[in-house]
Amino acid sequence: MKKISKLPFSGTPEQEAQLRAWLDENGKKPGAAMPALQYAQEVYGYLPVEVLRIVAEGTGKSLEEIYGIATFYAQFSLSPKGKYKIAVCLGTACYVKGSGKILAKLEEKLGIANGDCQLDGKFSLEASRCIGACGLAPVFTVNDDVYGRVKEDGSELDAILAKYRD
């Protein structure tokens, strides 16, 4: 089950106008729900309930149907992502080499659970499936930066996180 954000919604009137303009042009076309959700996520970065309501209204679908689509497909997120998105690979090779422990250490160091974003919006944390860097296991990413062969005791994490703490 996907997590719903505990952070307050912070969309702008400009974002809403952009989404509504797209929906006015495309929302009533057959099969518009998926592209509408994709566009909404592109505009907002995630799909809070406030945005799901706008999409439902703009496509003529029920909120329940739009929510069902948003929670069924892995590409959609109901929680905001941080400026720095940390994804810990829990694929087989990484998990066997300790990525579960690294995820737990990151949760502790960042003060957030898997799937959450810090209140200041700096870091978000999520477990991911295999990222295709099995030879570097265990691996995690911060945005597009890949960190491999990370020690499962988490001793390197402070230095890595410091690079992103401005």
C-alpha atoms as a PDB file:
ATOM      1  CA  MET A   1       0.000   0.000   0.000  1.00  0.00           C
ATOM      2  CA  LYS A   2       1.290   3.451  -0.902  1.00  0.00           C
ATOM      3  CA  LYS A   3       1.869   6.029   1.790  1.00  0.00           C
ATOM      4  CA  ILE A   4      -0.077   9.254   1.803  1.00  0.00           C
ATOM      5  CA  SER A   5       2.013  12.255   2.758  1.00  0.00           C
ATOM      6  CA  LYS A   6       1.757  13.830   6.181  1.00  0.00           C
ATOM      7  CA  LEU A   7       3.251  17.044   4.804  1.00  0.00           C
ATOM      8  CA  PRO A   8       0.860  19.913   4.075  1.00  0.00           C
ATOM      9  CA  PHE A   9       0.005  20.474   0.416  1.00  0.00           C
ATOM     10  CA  SER A  10       1.965  23.372  -1.024  1.00  0.00           C
ATOM     11  CA  GLY A  11       0.797  23.645  -4.632  1.00  0.00           C
ATOM     12  CA  THR A  12       0.771  27.049  -6.271  1.00  0.00           C
ATOM     13  CA  PRO A  13      -2.006  28.780  -8.218  1.00  0.00           C
ATOM     14  CA  GLU A  14       0.278  28.611 -11.271  1.00  0.00           C
ATOM     15  CA  GLN A  15       0.560  24.836 -10.985  1.00  0.00           C
ATOM     16  CA  GLU A  16      -3.202  24.502 -10.647  1.00  0.00           C
ATOM     17  CA  ALA A  17      -3.786  26.750 -13.678  1.00  0.00           C
ATOM     18  CA  GLN A  18      -1.290  24.688 -15.692  1.00  0.00           C
ATOM     19  CA  LEU A  19      -3.004  21.413 -14.781  1.00  0.00           C
ATOM     20  CA  ARG A  20      -6.503  22.775 -15.364  1.00  0.00           C
ATOM     21  CA  ALA A  21      -5.479  24.116 -18.802  1.00  0.00           C
ATOM     22  CA  TRP A  22      -4.186  20.656 -19.747  1.00  0.00           C
ATOM     23  CA  LEU A  23      -7.364  19.029 -18.455  1.00  0.00           C
ATOM     24  CA  ASP A  24      -9.566  21.518 -20.350  1.00  0.00           C
ATOM     25  CA  GLU A  25      -7.821  20.493 -23.562  1.00  0.00           C
ATOM     26  CA  ASN A  26      -7.378  16.760 -22.929  1.00  0.00           C
ATOM     27  CA  GLY A  27      -9.396  15.643 -19.918  1.00  0.00           C
ATOM     28  CA  LYS A  28     -12.523  14.457 -21.724  1.00  0.00           C
ATOM     29  CA  LYS A  29     -10.722  12.396 -24.358  1.00  0.00           C
ATOM     30  CA  PRO A  30     -11.091   8.609 -24.075  1.00  0.00           C
ATOM     31  CA  GLY A  31      -8.387   7.132 -21.862  1.00  0.00           C
ATOM     32  CA  ALA A  32      -7.375  10.525 -20.451  1.00  0.00           C
ATOM     33  CA  ALA A  33      -7.045   9.445 -16.820  1.00  0.00           C
ATOM     34  CA  MET A  34      -3.544   7.923 -17.089  1.00  0.00           C
ATOM     35  CA  PRO A  35      -2.027  10.782 -19.100  1.00  0.00           C
ATOM     36  CA  ALA A  36      -3.759  13.272 -16.783  1.00  0.00           C
ATOM     37  CA  LEU A  37      -2.166  11.675 -13.724  1.00  0.00           C
ATOM     38  CA  GLN A  38       1.215  11.553 -15.463  1.00  0.00           C
ATOM     39  CA  TYR A  39       0.945  15.226 -16.366  1.00  0.00           C
ATOM     40  CA  ALA A  40      -0.241  16.162 -12.867  1.00  0.00           C
ATOM     41  CA  GLN A  41       2.718  14.359 -11.316  1.00  0.00           C
ATOM     42  CA  GLU A  42       5.038  16.137 -13.745  1.00  0.00           C
ATOM     43  CA  VAL A  43       3.594  19.496 -12.632  1.00  0.00           C
ATOM     44  CA  TYR A  44       3.482  18.842  -8.875  1.00  0.00           C
ATOM     45  CA  GLY A  45       6.124  16.140  -8.427  1.00  0.00           C
ATOM     46  CA  TYR A  46       3.612  13.865  -6.705  1.00  0.00           C
ATOM     47  CA  LEU A  47      -0.158  13.318  -6.435  1.00  0.00           C
ATOM     48  CA  PRO A  48      -1.675  14.664  -3.221  1.00  0.00           C
ATOM     49  CA  VAL A  49      -5.418  14.246  -2.724  1.00  0.00           C
ATOM     50  CA  GLU A  50      -5.975  17.891  -3.701  1.00  0.00           C
ATOM     51  CA  VAL A  51      -4.499  17.153  -7.132  1.00  0.00           C
ATOM     52  CA  LEU A  52      -6.370  13.854  -7.448  1.00  0.00           C
ATOM     53  CA  ARG A  53      -9.611  15.827  -6.953  1.00  0.00           C
ATOM     54  CA  ILE A  54      -8.697  18.235  -9.767  1.00  0.00           C
ATOM     55  CA  VAL A  55      -7.872  15.304 -12.071  1.00  0.00           C
ATOM     56  CA  ALA A  56     -11.132  13.556 -11.180  1.00  0.00           C
ATOM     57  CA  GLU A  57     -13.115  16.704 -11.918  1.00  0.00           C
ATOM     58  CA  GLY A  58     -11.217  17.375 -15.160  1.00  0.00           C
ATOM     59  CA  THR A  59     -11.633  13.845 -16.494  1.00  0.00           C
ATOM     60  CA  GLY A  60     -15.204  13.310 -15.320  1.00  0.00           C
ATOM     61  CA  LYS A  61     -14.114  10.299 -13.254  1.00  0.00           C
ATOM     62  CA  SER A  62     -14.812   9.665  -9.593  1.00  0.00           C
ATOM     63  CA  LEU A  63     -12.130  10.445  -7.034  1.00  0.00           C
ATOM     64  CA  GLU A  64     -12.184   6.750  -6.102  1.00  0.00           C
ATOM     65  CA  GLU A  65     -11.397   5.704  -9.670  1.00  0.00           C
ATOM     66  CA  ILE A  66      -8.557   8.226  -9.990  1.00  0.00           C
ATOM     67  CA  TYR A  67      -7.183   7.183  -6.593  1.00  0.00           C
ATOM     68  CA  GLY A  68      -7.372   3.535  -7.687  1.00  0.00           C
ATOM     69  CA  ILE A  69      -5.277   4.261 -10.767  1.00  0.00           C
ATOM     70  CA  ALA A  70      -2.759   6.348  -8.802  1.00  0.00           C
ATOM     71  CA  THR A  71      -2.279   3.608  -6.212  1.00  0.00           C
ATOM     72  CA  PHE A  72      -2.178   0.710  -8.672  1.00  0.00           C
ATOM     73  CA  TYR A  73       0.708   1.916 -10.837  1.00  0.00           C
ATOM     74  CA  ALA A  74       4.208   2.121  -9.353  1.00  0.00           C
ATOM     75  CA  GLN A  75       5.054   5.198 -11.436  1.00  0.00           C
ATOM     76  CA  PHE A  76       2.779   7.366  -9.287  1.00  0.00           C
ATOM     77  CA  SER A  77       3.643   8.757  -5.868  1.00  0.00           C
ATOM     78  CA  LEU A  78       1.183  10.080  -3.295  1.00  0.00           C
ATOM     79  CA  SER A  79       4.036  11.566  -1.248  1.00  0.00           C
ATOM     80  CA  PRO A  80       6.357  14.420  -2.160  1.00  0.00           C
ATOM     81  CA  LYS A  81       9.951  13.734  -3.003  1.00  0.00           C
ATOM     82  CA  GLY A  82      12.797  15.664  -1.437  1.00  0.00           C
ATOM     83  CA  LYS A  83      15.291  17.859  -3.211  1.00  0.00           C
ATOM     84  CA  TYR A  84      17.583  14.867  -2.739  1.00  0.00           C
ATOM     85  CA  LYS A  85      15.847  11.583  -3.502  1.00  0.00           C
ATOM     86  CA  ILE A  86      17.595   8.643  -1.856  1.00  0.00           C
ATOM     87  CA  ALA A  87      16.727   5.211  -3.223  1.00  0.00           C
ATOM     88  CA  VAL A  88      18.199   2.121  -1.572  1.00  0.00           C
ATOM     89  CA  CYS A  89      18.332  -0.947  -3.800  1.00  0.00           C
ATOM     90  CA  LEU A  90      16.733  -3.965  -2.160  1.00  0.00           C
ATOM     91  CA  GLY A  91      17.318  -6.268  -5.116  1.00  0.00           C
ATOM     92  CA  THR A  92      18.672  -9.710  -4.280  1.00  0.00           C
ATOM     93  CA  ALA A  93      22.402  -8.972  -4.640  1.00  0.00           C
ATOM     94  CA  CYS A  94      22.165  -5.736  -2.646  1.00  0.00           C
ATOM     95  CA  TYR A  95      19.929  -7.209   0.024  1.00  0.00           C
ATOM     96  CA  VAL A  96      22.225 -10.187   0.575  1.00  0.00           C
ATOM     97  CA  LYS A  97      25.120  -7.751   1.031  1.00  0.00           C
ATOM     98  CA  GLY A  98      23.297  -5.636   3.630  1.00  0.00           C
ATOM     99  CA  SER A  99      21.193  -3.004   1.906  1.00  0.00           C
ATOM    100  CA  GLY A 100      18.344  -3.608   4.366  1.00  0.00           C
ATOM    101  CA  LYS A 101      20.659  -2.503   7.171  1.00  0.00           C
ATOM    102  CA  ILE A 102      21.741   0.532   5.137  1.00  0.00           C
ATOM    103  CA  LEU A 103      18.095   1.499   4.645  1.00  0.00           C
ATOM    104  CA  ALA A 104      17.536   1.242   8.411  1.00  0.00           C
ATOM    105  CA  LYS A 105      20.629   3.392   9.101  1.00  0.00           C
ATOM    106  CA  LEU A 106      19.426   6.029   6.625  1.00  0.00           C
ATOM    107  CA  GLU A 107      16.003   6.066   8.277  1.00  0.00           C
ATOM    108  CA  GLU A 108      17.727   6.681  11.600  1.00  0.00           C
ATOM    109  CA  LYS A 109      20.116   9.360  10.300  1.00  0.00           C
ATOM    110  CA  LEU A 110      17.456  11.243   8.319  1.00  0.00           C
ATOM    111  CA  GLY A 111      14.701  10.855  10.907  1.00  0.00           C
ATOM    112  CA  ILE A 112      12.229   9.572   8.315  1.00  0.00           C
ATOM    113  CA  ALA A 113      10.790   6.201   7.378  1.00  0.00           C
ATOM    114  CA  ASN A 114      10.987   4.469   4.038  1.00  0.00           C
ATOM    115  CA  GLY A 115       8.632   6.322   1.675  1.00  0.00           C
ATOM    116  CA  ASP A 116       8.750   9.612   3.597  1.00  0.00           C
ATOM    117  CA  CYS A 117      10.153  13.082   3.000  1.00  0.00           C
ATOM    118  CA  GLN A 118      11.723  15.348   5.610  1.00  0.00           C
ATOM    119  CA  LEU A 119       9.534  18.264   6.675  1.00  0.00           C
ATOM    120  CA  ASP A 120      12.007  20.749   5.180  1.00  0.00           C
ATOM    121  CA  GLY A 121      11.830  18.912   1.838  1.00  0.00           C
ATOM    122  CA  LYS A 122      15.567  18.263   1.714  1.00  0.00           C
ATOM    123  CA  PHE A 123      15.694  14.428   1.684  1.00  0.00           C
ATOM    124  CA  SER A 124      13.228  11.715   0.784  1.00  0.00           C
ATOM    125  CA  LEU A 125      13.931   8.025   1.227  1.00  0.00           C
ATOM    126  CA  GLU A 126      12.592   4.968  -0.501  1.00  0.00           C
ATOM    127  CA  ALA A 127      13.460   1.362  -1.089  1.00  0.00           C
ATOM    128  CA  SER A 128      13.804   0.446  -4.742  1.00  0.00           C
ATOM    129  CA  ARG A 129      14.009  -2.666  -6.820  1.00  0.00           C
ATOM    130  CA  CYS A 130      17.173  -3.672  -8.613  1.00  0.00           C
ATOM    131  CA  ILE A 131      18.869  -0.719 -10.273  1.00  0.00           C
ATOM    132  CA  GLY A 132      21.172  -2.883 -12.375  1.00  0.00           C
ATOM    133  CA  ALA A 133      24.409  -2.249 -10.495  1.00  0.00           C
ATOM    134  CA  CYS A 134      24.681  -5.671  -8.873  1.00  0.00           C
ATOM    135  CA  GLY A 135      28.470  -5.697  -9.202  1.00  0.00           C
ATOM    136  CA  LEU A 136      28.568  -2.699  -6.856  1.00  0.00           C
ATOM    137  CA  ALA A 137      26.216  -4.186  -4.247  1.00  0.00           C
ATOM    138  CA  PRO A 138      25.019  -2.866  -1.909  1.00  0.00           C
ATOM    139  CA  VAL A 139      23.993   0.277  -3.773  1.00  0.00           C
ATOM    140  CA  PHE A 140      21.943   3.373  -3.145  1.00  0.00           C
ATOM    141  CA  THR A 141      21.419   6.524  -5.161  1.00  0.00           C
ATOM    142  CA  VAL A 142      21.015  10.179  -4.315  1.00  0.00           C
ATOM    143  CA  ASN A 143      19.254  11.649  -7.332  1.00  0.00           C
ATOM    144  CA  ASP A 144      21.562  10.560 -10.186  1.00  0.00           C
ATOM    145  CA  ASP A 145      24.625   9.834  -8.031  1.00  0.00           C
ATOM    146  CA  VAL A 146      25.312   6.137  -7.400  1.00  0.00           C
ATOM    147  CA  TYR A 147      27.035   4.918  -4.238  1.00  0.00           C
ATOM    148  CA  GLY A 148      28.233   1.336  -4.382  1.00  0.00           C
ATOM    149  CA  ARG A 149      29.955  -1.140  -2.109  1.00  0.00           C
ATOM    150  CA  VAL A 150      28.574   0.764   0.861  1.00  0.00           C
ATOM    151  CA  LYS A 151      29.510  -0.735   4.213  1.00  0.00           C
ATOM    152  CA  GLU A 152      26.463  -2.242   5.876  1.00  0.00           C
ATOM    153  CA  ASP A 153      27.443  -0.696   9.230  1.00  0.00           C
ATOM    154  CA  GLY A 154      26.602   2.711   7.730  1.00  0.00           C
ATOM    155  CA  SER A 155      29.984   4.236   8.590  1.00  0.00           C
ATOM    156  CA  GLU A 156      30.175   6.072   5.247  1.00  0.00           C
ATOM    157  CA  LEU A 157      26.693   7.543   5.346  1.00  0.00           C
ATOM    158  CA  ASP A 158      27.486  10.710   7.307  1.00  0.00           C
ATOM    159  CA  ALA A 159      30.154  11.738   4.806  1.00  0.00           C
ATOM    160  CA  ILE A 160      27.887  10.977   1.844  1.00  0.00           C
ATOM    161  CA  LEU A 161      24.912  12.874   3.297  1.00  0.00           C
ATOM    162  CA  ALA A 162      27.140  15.847   4.180  1.00  0.00           C
ATOM    163  CA  LYS A 163      27.702  16.444   0.436  1.00  0.00           C
ATOM    164  CA  TYR A 164      24.004  17.272   0.078  1.00  0.00           C
ATOM    165  CA  ARG A 165      23.368  19.178   3.278  1.00  0.00           C
ATOM    166  CA  ASP A 166      24.411  22.545   1.760  1.00  0.00           C
END
